[in-house]
Amino acid sequence: MVQGRRRAENGVPGLQQLRYVSADQWNRFYLPFAREYLDRAQLMRVTAFQAYQSYLSITDPLR
């Protein structure tokens, strides 16, 4: 990855991979708290992506 190489060249440690949050965790815990901090445009995006949540949360892609 270009950014990782660029960080290493500048002596900056690489970023850790974000931990996975399941759809259930997102819907039951994170989303209710996040809603009050999202602006209208962000809330519209989150709502629109909920239709695709089952596809976006696949952890083991079909082979």
PDB file of N, CA and C in Angstrom:
ATOM      1  N   MET A   1       0.840  -1.174   0.000  1.00  0.00           N
ATOM      2  CA  MET A   1       0.000   0.000   0.000  1.00  0.00           C
ATOM      3  C   MET A   1       0.887   1.240   0.000  1.00  0.00           C
ATOM      4  N   VAL A   2       0.523   2.213  -0.772  1.00  0.00           N
ATOM      5  CA  VAL A   2       1.324   3.422  -0.932  1.00  0.00           C
ATOM      6  C   VAL A   2       1.415   4.193   0.380  1.00  0.00           C
ATOM      7  N   GLN A   3       0.308   4.370   1.084  1.00  0.00           N
ATOM      8  CA  GLN A   3       0.336   5.136   2.329  1.00  0.00           C
ATOM      9  C   GLN A   3       1.216   4.463   3.369  1.00  0.00           C
ATOM     10  N   GLY A   4       1.155   3.144   3.472  1.00  0.00           N
ATOM     11  CA  GLY A   4       1.982   2.424   4.432  1.00  0.00           C
ATOM     12  C   GLY A   4       3.458   2.610   4.135  1.00  0.00           C
ATOM     13  N   ARG A   5       3.816   2.566   2.872  1.00  0.00           N
ATOM     14  CA  ARG A   5       5.210   2.766   2.475  1.00  0.00           C
ATOM     15  C   ARG A   5       5.640   4.195   2.774  1.00  0.00           C
ATOM     16  N   ARG A   6       4.778   5.141   2.480  1.00  0.00           N
ATOM     17  CA  ARG A   6       5.080   6.547   2.728  1.00  0.00           C
ATOM     18  C   ARG A   6       5.273   6.807   4.218  1.00  0.00           C
ATOM     19  N   ARG A   7       4.455   6.193   5.040  1.00  0.00           N
ATOM     20  CA  ARG A   7       4.597   6.363   6.492  1.00  0.00           C
ATOM     21  C   ARG A   7       5.938   5.800   6.947  1.00  0.00           C
ATOM     22  N   ALA A   8       6.304   4.617   6.446  1.00  0.00           N
ATOM     23  CA  ALA A   8       7.563   3.984   6.832  1.00  0.00           C
ATOM     24  C   ALA A   8       8.760   4.831   6.402  1.00  0.00           C
ATOM     25  N   GLU A   9       8.698   5.398   5.205  1.00  0.00           N
ATOM     26  CA  GLU A   9       9.787   6.243   4.715  1.00  0.00           C
ATOM     27  C   GLU A   9       9.998   7.468   5.603  1.00  0.00           C
ATOM     28  N   ASN A  10       8.940   7.932   6.235  1.00  0.00           N
ATOM     29  CA  ASN A  10       9.017   9.114   7.098  1.00  0.00           C
ATOM     30  C   ASN A  10       9.184   8.760   8.568  1.00  0.00           C
ATOM     31  N   GLY A  11       9.418   7.482   8.853  1.00  0.00           N
ATOM     32  CA  GLY A  11       9.653   7.060  10.226  1.00  0.00           C
ATOM     33  C   GLY A  11       8.419   7.058  11.114  1.00  0.00           C
ATOM     34  N   VAL A  12       7.262   7.024  10.497  1.00  0.00           N
ATOM     35  CA  VAL A  12       6.004   7.013  11.251  1.00  0.00           C
ATOM     36  C   VAL A  12       5.485   5.576  11.281  1.00  0.00           C
ATOM     37  N   PRO A  13       5.112   5.076  12.462  1.00  0.00           N
ATOM     38  CA  PRO A  13       4.628   3.699  12.527  1.00  0.00           C
ATOM     39  C   PRO A  13       3.342   3.509  11.725  1.00  0.00           C
ATOM     40  N   GLY A  14       3.156   2.305  11.217  1.00  0.00           N
ATOM     41  CA  GLY A  14       1.969   1.986  10.434  1.00  0.00           C
ATOM     42  C   GLY A  14       0.710   2.004  11.278  1.00  0.00           C
ATOM     43  N   LEU A  15      -0.408   2.114  10.608  1.00  0.00           N
ATOM     44  CA  LEU A  15      -1.691   2.112  11.300  1.00  0.00           C
ATOM     45  C   LEU A  15      -2.142   0.682  11.559  1.00  0.00           C
ATOM     46  N   GLN A  16      -2.761   0.467  12.705  1.00  0.00           N
ATOM     47  CA  GLN A  16      -3.294  -0.853  13.005  1.00  0.00           C
ATOM     48  C   GLN A  16      -4.612  -1.033  12.263  1.00  0.00           C
ATOM     49  N   GLN A  17      -4.911  -2.275  11.912  1.00  0.00           N
ATOM     50  CA  GLN A  17      -6.158  -2.564  11.233  1.00  0.00           C
ATOM     51  C   GLN A  17      -7.316  -2.347  12.206  1.00  0.00           C
ATOM     52  N   LEU A  18      -8.378  -1.716  11.711  1.00  0.00           N
ATOM     53  CA  LEU A  18      -9.544  -1.481  12.552  1.00  0.00           C
ATOM     54  C   LEU A  18     -10.206  -2.799  12.923  1.00  0.00           C
ATOM     55  N   ARG A  19     -10.760  -2.837  14.121  1.00  0.00           N
ATOM     56  CA  ARG A  19     -11.423  -4.070  14.524  1.00  0.00           C
ATOM     57  C   ARG A  19     -12.783  -4.140  13.855  1.00  0.00           C
ATOM     58  N   TYR A  20     -13.214  -5.341  13.569  1.00  0.00           N
ATOM     59  CA  TYR A  20     -14.469  -5.582  12.875  1.00  0.00           C
ATOM     60  C   TYR A  20     -15.640  -5.403  13.835  1.00  0.00           C
ATOM     61  N   VAL A  21     -16.656  -4.703  13.412  1.00  0.00           N
ATOM     62  CA  VAL A  21     -17.884  -4.540  14.186  1.00  0.00           C
ATOM     63  C   VAL A  21     -18.984  -5.238  13.403  1.00  0.00           C
ATOM     64  N   SER A  22     -19.621  -6.215  14.026  1.00  0.00           N
ATOM     65  CA  SER A  22     -20.674  -6.955  13.326  1.00  0.00           C
ATOM     66  C   SER A  22     -21.890  -6.056  13.101  1.00  0.00           C
ATOM     67  N   ALA A  23     -22.735  -6.460  12.172  1.00  0.00           N
ATOM     68  CA  ALA A  23     -23.952  -5.700  11.888  1.00  0.00           C
ATOM     69  C   ALA A  23     -24.827  -5.614  13.131  1.00  0.00           C
ATOM     70  N   ASP A  24     -24.888  -6.692  13.888  1.00  0.00           N
ATOM     71  CA  ASP A  24     -25.690  -6.706  15.111  1.00  0.00           C
ATOM     72  C   ASP A  24     -25.139  -5.710  16.135  1.00  0.00           C
ATOM     73  N   GLN A  25     -23.816  -5.703  16.309  1.00  0.00           N
ATOM     74  CA  GLN A  25     -23.204  -4.739  17.231  1.00  0.00           C
ATOM     75  C   GLN A  25     -23.490  -3.309  16.776  1.00  0.00           C
ATOM     76  N   TRP A  26     -23.347  -3.070  15.481  1.00  0.00           N
ATOM     77  CA  TRP A  26     -23.565  -1.730  14.946  1.00  0.00           C
ATOM     78  C   TRP A  26     -24.998  -1.274  15.201  1.00  0.00           C
ATOM     79  N   ASN A  27     -25.968  -2.127  14.860  1.00  0.00           N
ATOM     80  CA  ASN A  27     -27.375  -1.750  14.978  1.00  0.00           C
ATOM     81  C   ASN A  27     -27.853  -1.620  16.421  1.00  0.00           C
ATOM     82  N   ARG A  28     -27.361  -2.479  17.287  1.00  0.00           N
ATOM     83  CA  ARG A  28     -27.860  -2.491  18.659  1.00  0.00           C
ATOM     84  C   ARG A  28     -27.130  -1.527  19.584  1.00  0.00           C
ATOM     85  N   PHE A  29     -25.859  -1.257  19.315  1.00  0.00           N
ATOM     86  CA  PHE A  29     -25.100  -0.423  20.242  1.00  0.00           C
ATOM     87  C   PHE A  29     -24.604   0.886  19.626  1.00  0.00           C
ATOM     88  N   TYR A  30     -23.803   0.787  18.576  1.00  0.00           N
ATOM     89  CA  TYR A  30     -23.140   1.980  18.039  1.00  0.00           C
ATOM     90  C   TYR A  30     -24.097   2.962  17.360  1.00  0.00           C
ATOM     91  N   LEU A  31     -24.979   2.462  16.515  1.00  0.00           N
ATOM     92  CA  LEU A  31     -25.858   3.355  15.755  1.00  0.00           C
ATOM     93  C   LEU A  31     -26.759   4.216  16.639  1.00  0.00           C
ATOM     94  N   PRO A  32     -27.421   3.665  17.659  1.00  0.00           N
ATOM     95  CA  PRO A  32     -28.257   4.537  18.497  1.00  0.00           C
ATOM     96  C   PRO A  32     -27.478   5.695  19.133  1.00  0.00           C
ATOM     97  N   PHE A  33     -26.247   5.454  19.542  1.00  0.00           N
ATOM     98  CA  PHE A  33     -25.439   6.525  20.125  1.00  0.00           C
ATOM     99  C   PHE A  33     -24.915   7.479  19.051  1.00  0.00           C
ATOM    100  N   ALA A  34     -24.611   6.948  17.872  1.00  0.00           N
ATOM    101  CA  ALA A  34     -24.038   7.773  16.807  1.00  0.00           C
ATOM    102  C   ALA A  34     -25.063   8.706  16.181  1.00  0.00           C
ATOM    103  N   ARG A  35     -26.323   8.304  16.161  1.00  0.00           N
ATOM    104  CA  ARG A  35     -27.363   9.102  15.491  1.00  0.00           C
ATOM    105  C   ARG A  35     -27.386  10.561  15.951  1.00  0.00           C
ATOM    106  N   GLU A  36     -27.204  10.814  17.222  1.00  0.00           N
ATOM    107  CA  GLU A  36     -27.291  12.194  17.705  1.00  0.00           C
ATOM    108  C   GLU A  36     -26.116  13.057  17.243  1.00  0.00           C
ATOM    109  N   TYR A  37     -25.036  12.432  16.780  1.00  0.00           N
ATOM    110  CA  TYR A  37     -23.859  13.186  16.339  1.00  0.00           C
ATOM    111  C   TYR A  37     -23.743  13.278  14.821  1.00  0.00           C
ATOM    112  N   LEU A  38     -24.570  12.542  14.096  1.00  0.00           N
ATOM    113  CA  LEU A  38     -24.517  12.564  12.638  1.00  0.00           C
ATOM    114  C   LEU A  38     -25.310  13.750  12.110  1.00  0.00           C
ATOM    115  N   ASP A  39     -24.763  14.397  11.075  1.00  0.00           N
ATOM    116  CA  ASP A  39     -25.548  15.465  10.459  1.00  0.00           C
ATOM    117  C   ASP A  39     -26.546  14.834   9.485  1.00  0.00           C
ATOM    118  N   ARG A  40     -27.371  15.658   8.888  1.00  0.00           N
ATOM    119  CA  ARG A  40     -28.442  15.142   8.031  1.00  0.00           C
ATOM    120  C   ARG A  40     -27.915  14.301   6.866  1.00  0.00           C
ATOM    121  N   ALA A  41     -26.853  14.765   6.220  1.00  0.00           N
ATOM    122  CA  ALA A  41     -26.294  14.038   5.074  1.00  0.00           C
ATOM    123  C   ALA A  41     -25.726  12.688   5.505  1.00  0.00           C
ATOM    124  N   GLN A  42     -25.024  12.656   6.633  1.00  0.00           N
ATOM    125  CA  GLN A  42     -24.467  11.397   7.129  1.00  0.00           C
ATOM    126  C   GLN A  42     -25.578  10.429   7.506  1.00  0.00           C
ATOM    127  N   LEU A  43     -26.620  10.929   8.127  1.00  0.00           N
ATOM    128  CA  LEU A  43     -27.745  10.094   8.518  1.00  0.00           C
ATOM    129  C   LEU A  43     -28.448   9.509   7.298  1.00  0.00           C
ATOM    130  N   MET A  44     -28.542  10.299   6.240  1.00  0.00           N
ATOM    131  CA  MET A  44     -29.145   9.799   4.998  1.00  0.00           C
ATOM    132  C   MET A  44     -28.301   8.675   4.407  1.00  0.00           C
ATOM    133  N   ARG A  45     -26.976   8.808   4.447  1.00  0.00           N
ATOM    134  CA  ARG A  45     -26.097   7.758   3.923  1.00  0.00           C
ATOM    135  C   ARG A  45     -26.219   6.482   4.744  1.00  0.00           C
ATOM    136  N   VAL A  46     -26.202   6.629   6.062  1.00  0.00           N
ATOM    137  CA  VAL A  46     -26.316   5.461   6.938  1.00  0.00           C
ATOM    138  C   VAL A  46     -27.631   4.747   6.673  1.00  0.00           C
ATOM    139  N   THR A  47     -28.697   5.506   6.536  1.00  0.00           N
ATOM    140  CA  THR A  47     -30.013   4.927   6.273  1.00  0.00           C
ATOM    141  C   THR A  47     -30.031   4.228   4.916  1.00  0.00           C
ATOM    142  N   ALA A  48     -29.433   4.841   3.910  1.00  0.00           N
ATOM    143  CA  ALA A  48     -29.405   4.235   2.576  1.00  0.00           C
ATOM    144  C   ALA A  48     -28.598   2.941   2.567  1.00  0.00           C
ATOM    145  N   PHE A  49     -27.475   2.913   3.279  1.00  0.00           N
ATOM    146  CA  PHE A  49     -26.636   1.717   3.296  1.00  0.00           C
ATOM    147  C   PHE A  49     -27.249   0.570   4.087  1.00  0.00           C
ATOM    148  N   GLN A  50     -28.242   0.843   4.920  1.00  0.00           N
ATOM    149  CA  GLN A  50     -28.877  -0.233   5.679  1.00  0.00           C
ATOM    150  C   GLN A  50     -29.514  -1.261   4.757  1.00  0.00           C
ATOM    151  N   ALA A  51     -29.944  -0.842   3.572  1.00  0.00           N
ATOM    152  CA  ALA A  51     -30.522  -1.777   2.609  1.00  0.00           C
ATOM    153  C   ALA A  51     -29.491  -2.799   2.135  1.00  0.00           C
ATOM    154  N   TYR A  52     -28.227  -2.442   2.158  1.00  0.00           N
ATOM    155  CA  TYR A  52     -27.152  -3.314   1.684  1.00  0.00           C
ATOM    156  C   TYR A  52     -26.340  -3.925   2.823  1.00  0.00           C
ATOM    157  N   GLN A  53     -26.775  -3.728   4.041  1.00  0.00           N
ATOM    158  CA  GLN A  53     -26.000  -4.152   5.203  1.00  0.00           C
ATOM    159  C   GLN A  53     -25.692  -5.644   5.203  1.00  0.00           C
ATOM    160  N   SER A  54     -26.634  -6.462   4.800  1.00  0.00           N
ATOM    161  CA  SER A  54     -26.374  -7.904   4.802  1.00  0.00           C
ATOM    162  C   SER A  54     -25.263  -8.266   3.816  1.00  0.00           C
ATOM    163  N   TYR A  55     -25.184  -7.557   2.703  1.00  0.00           N
ATOM    164  CA  TYR A  55     -24.126  -7.816   1.730  1.00  0.00           C
ATOM    165  C   TYR A  55     -22.789  -7.251   2.199  1.00  0.00           C
ATOM    166  N   LEU A  56     -22.812  -6.072   2.810  1.00  0.00           N
ATOM    167  CA  LEU A  56     -21.585  -5.412   3.245  1.00  0.00           C
ATOM    168  C   LEU A  56     -20.969  -6.054   4.480  1.00  0.00           C
ATOM    169  N   SER A  57     -21.745  -6.856   5.202  1.00  0.00           N
ATOM    170  CA  SER A  57     -21.234  -7.457   6.435  1.00  0.00           C
ATOM    171  C   SER A  57     -20.752  -8.889   6.249  1.00  0.00           C
ATOM    172  N   ILE A  58     -20.643  -9.350   5.018  1.00  0.00           N
ATOM    173  CA  ILE A  58     -20.142 -10.702   4.754  1.00  0.00           C
ATOM    174  C   ILE A  58     -18.656 -10.746   5.094  1.00  0.00           C
ATOM    175  N   THR A  59     -18.282 -11.650   5.994  1.00  0.00           N
ATOM    176  CA  THR A  59     -16.873 -11.749   6.394  1.00  0.00           C
ATOM    177  C   THR A  59     -16.121 -12.813   5.610  1.00  0.00           C
ATOM    178  N   ASP A  60     -16.844 -13.762   5.035  1.00  0.00           N
ATOM    179  CA  ASP A  60     -16.217 -14.828   4.261  1.00  0.00           C
ATOM    180  C   ASP A  60     -16.839 -14.822   2.866  1.00  0.00           C
ATOM    181  N   PRO A  61     -16.209 -14.134   1.905  1.00  0.00           N
ATOM    182  CA  PRO A  61     -16.798 -14.017   0.571  1.00  0.00           C
ATOM    183  C   PRO A  61     -16.983 -15.370  -0.107  1.00  0.00           C
ATOM    184  N   LEU A  62     -17.954 -15.415  -0.976  1.00  0.00           N
ATOM    185  CA  LEU A  62     -18.212 -16.644  -1.734  1.00  0.00           C
ATOM    186  C   LEU A  62     -17.047 -16.924  -2.666  1.00  0.00           C
ATOM    187  N   ARG A  63     -16.746 -18.180  -2.833  1.00  0.00           N
ATOM    188  CA  ARG A  63     -15.622 -18.548  -3.709  1.00  0.00           C
ATOM    189  C   ARG A  63     -16.103 -19.284  -4.912  1.00  0.00           C
TER     190      ARG A  63
END
